[in-house]
Amino acid sequence: MEAVITVVGKDAVGILAKVCTACADEDVNVEEVTQRILRGTFAMIMIVDVTKCKSEITAFAKRLDELGKTMGVEIRCTRQELYDTMHRV
């Protein structure tokens, strides 16, 4: 099962590293990453494989949300099929 992780907030050193470390700690494999810094705002989208995730997806998403709060960014984790449904035109 895949999920989409989005990160948005003020740019700072280590954002990508901290999110990837949180994924690695849960055995979540990062498959694709795109990121940009837009006038000081960090924006990233990751596609991850949560098949082997140690936690349930909701617990993992909550952990990422809490991590984002400590870093001053917003992190959201959504199952791929839910993300696709929400963004279908």
Protein backbone atom coordinates (compact mmCIF):
# COMPACT_ATOMS: atom_id res chain seq x y z
CA MET A 1 0.00 0.00 0.00
CA GLU A 2 1.26 3.45 -0.88
CA ALA A 3 0.78 6.77 0.87
CA VAL A 4 1.46 10.42 0.05
CA ILE A 5 3.37 12.57 2.52
CA THR A 6 3.24 16.34 2.05
CA VAL A 7 5.40 18.81 3.91
CA VAL A 8 4.95 22.60 3.77
CA GLY A 9 6.49 25.30 5.91
CA LYS A 10 9.34 27.71 6.42
CA ASP A 11 12.57 26.32 4.98
CA ALA A 12 15.15 25.02 7.44
CA VAL A 13 18.11 22.67 7.42
CA GLY A 14 17.25 18.98 7.88
CA ILE A 15 13.55 18.81 6.99
CA LEU A 16 14.01 16.08 4.38
CA ALA A 17 16.43 14.19 6.62
CA LYS A 18 14.07 14.20 9.61
CA VAL A 19 11.07 13.05 7.58
CA CYS A 20 13.13 10.28 5.93
CA THR A 21 14.46 9.19 9.33
CA ALA A 22 10.89 8.95 10.68
CA CYS A 23 9.99 6.80 7.66
CA ALA A 24 13.04 4.56 8.11
CA ASP A 25 12.27 4.10 11.82
CA GLU A 26 8.86 2.68 10.83
CA ASP A 27 10.15 0.56 7.88
CA VAL A 28 8.39 2.86 5.43
CA ASN A 29 10.15 2.91 2.07
CA VAL A 30 10.47 6.25 0.27
CA GLU A 31 9.79 5.62 -3.43
CA GLU A 32 9.65 9.13 -4.91
CA VAL A 33 10.40 12.64 -3.66
CA THR A 34 9.96 16.06 -5.16
CA GLN A 35 10.73 19.24 -3.30
CA ARG A 36 11.05 22.95 -3.92
CA ILE A 37 11.85 26.04 -1.95
CA LEU A 38 9.54 28.84 -3.02
CA ARG A 39 10.55 32.24 -1.60
CA GLY A 40 11.64 30.68 1.68
CA THR A 41 8.78 28.16 1.88
CA PHE A 42 9.73 24.49 1.77
CA ALA A 43 7.30 22.27 -0.16
CA MET A 44 7.73 18.51 -0.58
CA ILE A 45 5.66 15.57 -1.79
CA MET A 46 6.76 12.00 -1.13
CA ILE A 47 5.31 8.72 -2.35
CA VAL A 48 6.03 6.01 0.22
CA ASP A 49 5.34 2.29 0.56
CA VAL A 50 3.70 1.62 3.92
CA THR A 51 3.22 -2.12 3.38
CA LYS A 52 5.80 -3.00 6.04
CA CYS A 53 5.06 -0.06 8.35
CA LYS A 54 5.47 -1.06 12.01
CA SER A 55 2.49 1.10 13.00
CA GLU A 56 -0.99 1.46 11.57
CA ILE A 57 -1.18 4.23 8.97
CA THR A 58 -3.16 6.52 11.31
CA ALA A 59 -0.53 6.18 14.06
CA PHE A 60 2.26 6.81 11.56
CA ALA A 61 0.43 9.88 10.23
CA LYS A 62 0.02 11.18 13.78
CA ARG A 63 3.73 10.69 14.45
CA LEU A 64 4.56 12.71 11.32
CA ASP A 65 2.09 15.42 12.35
CA GLU A 66 3.77 15.68 15.75
CA LEU A 67 7.22 15.75 14.12
CA GLY A 68 6.06 18.59 11.88
CA LYS A 69 4.90 20.60 14.86
CA THR A 70 8.34 20.31 16.48
CA MET A 71 9.96 21.47 13.21
CA GLY A 72 7.50 24.29 12.50
CA VAL A 73 6.13 22.70 9.30
CA GLU A 74 2.90 20.94 8.39
CA ILE A 75 3.26 17.24 7.57
CA ARG A 76 0.34 15.19 6.30
CA CYS A 77 0.29 11.51 5.43
CA THR A 78 -2.61 10.17 3.37
CA ARG A 79 -3.17 6.74 1.84
CA GLN A 80 -2.62 6.94 -1.93
CA GLU A 81 -6.16 5.90 -2.90
CA LEU A 82 -7.66 8.50 -0.55
CA TYR A 83 -5.30 11.18 -1.89
CA ASP A 84 -6.25 10.27 -5.49
CA THR A 85 -9.96 10.47 -4.66
CA MET A 86 -9.58 13.85 -2.95
CA HIS A 87 -7.73 15.32 -5.94
CA ARG A 88 -9.76 13.90 -8.78
CA VAL A 89 -11.33 16.57 -10.95
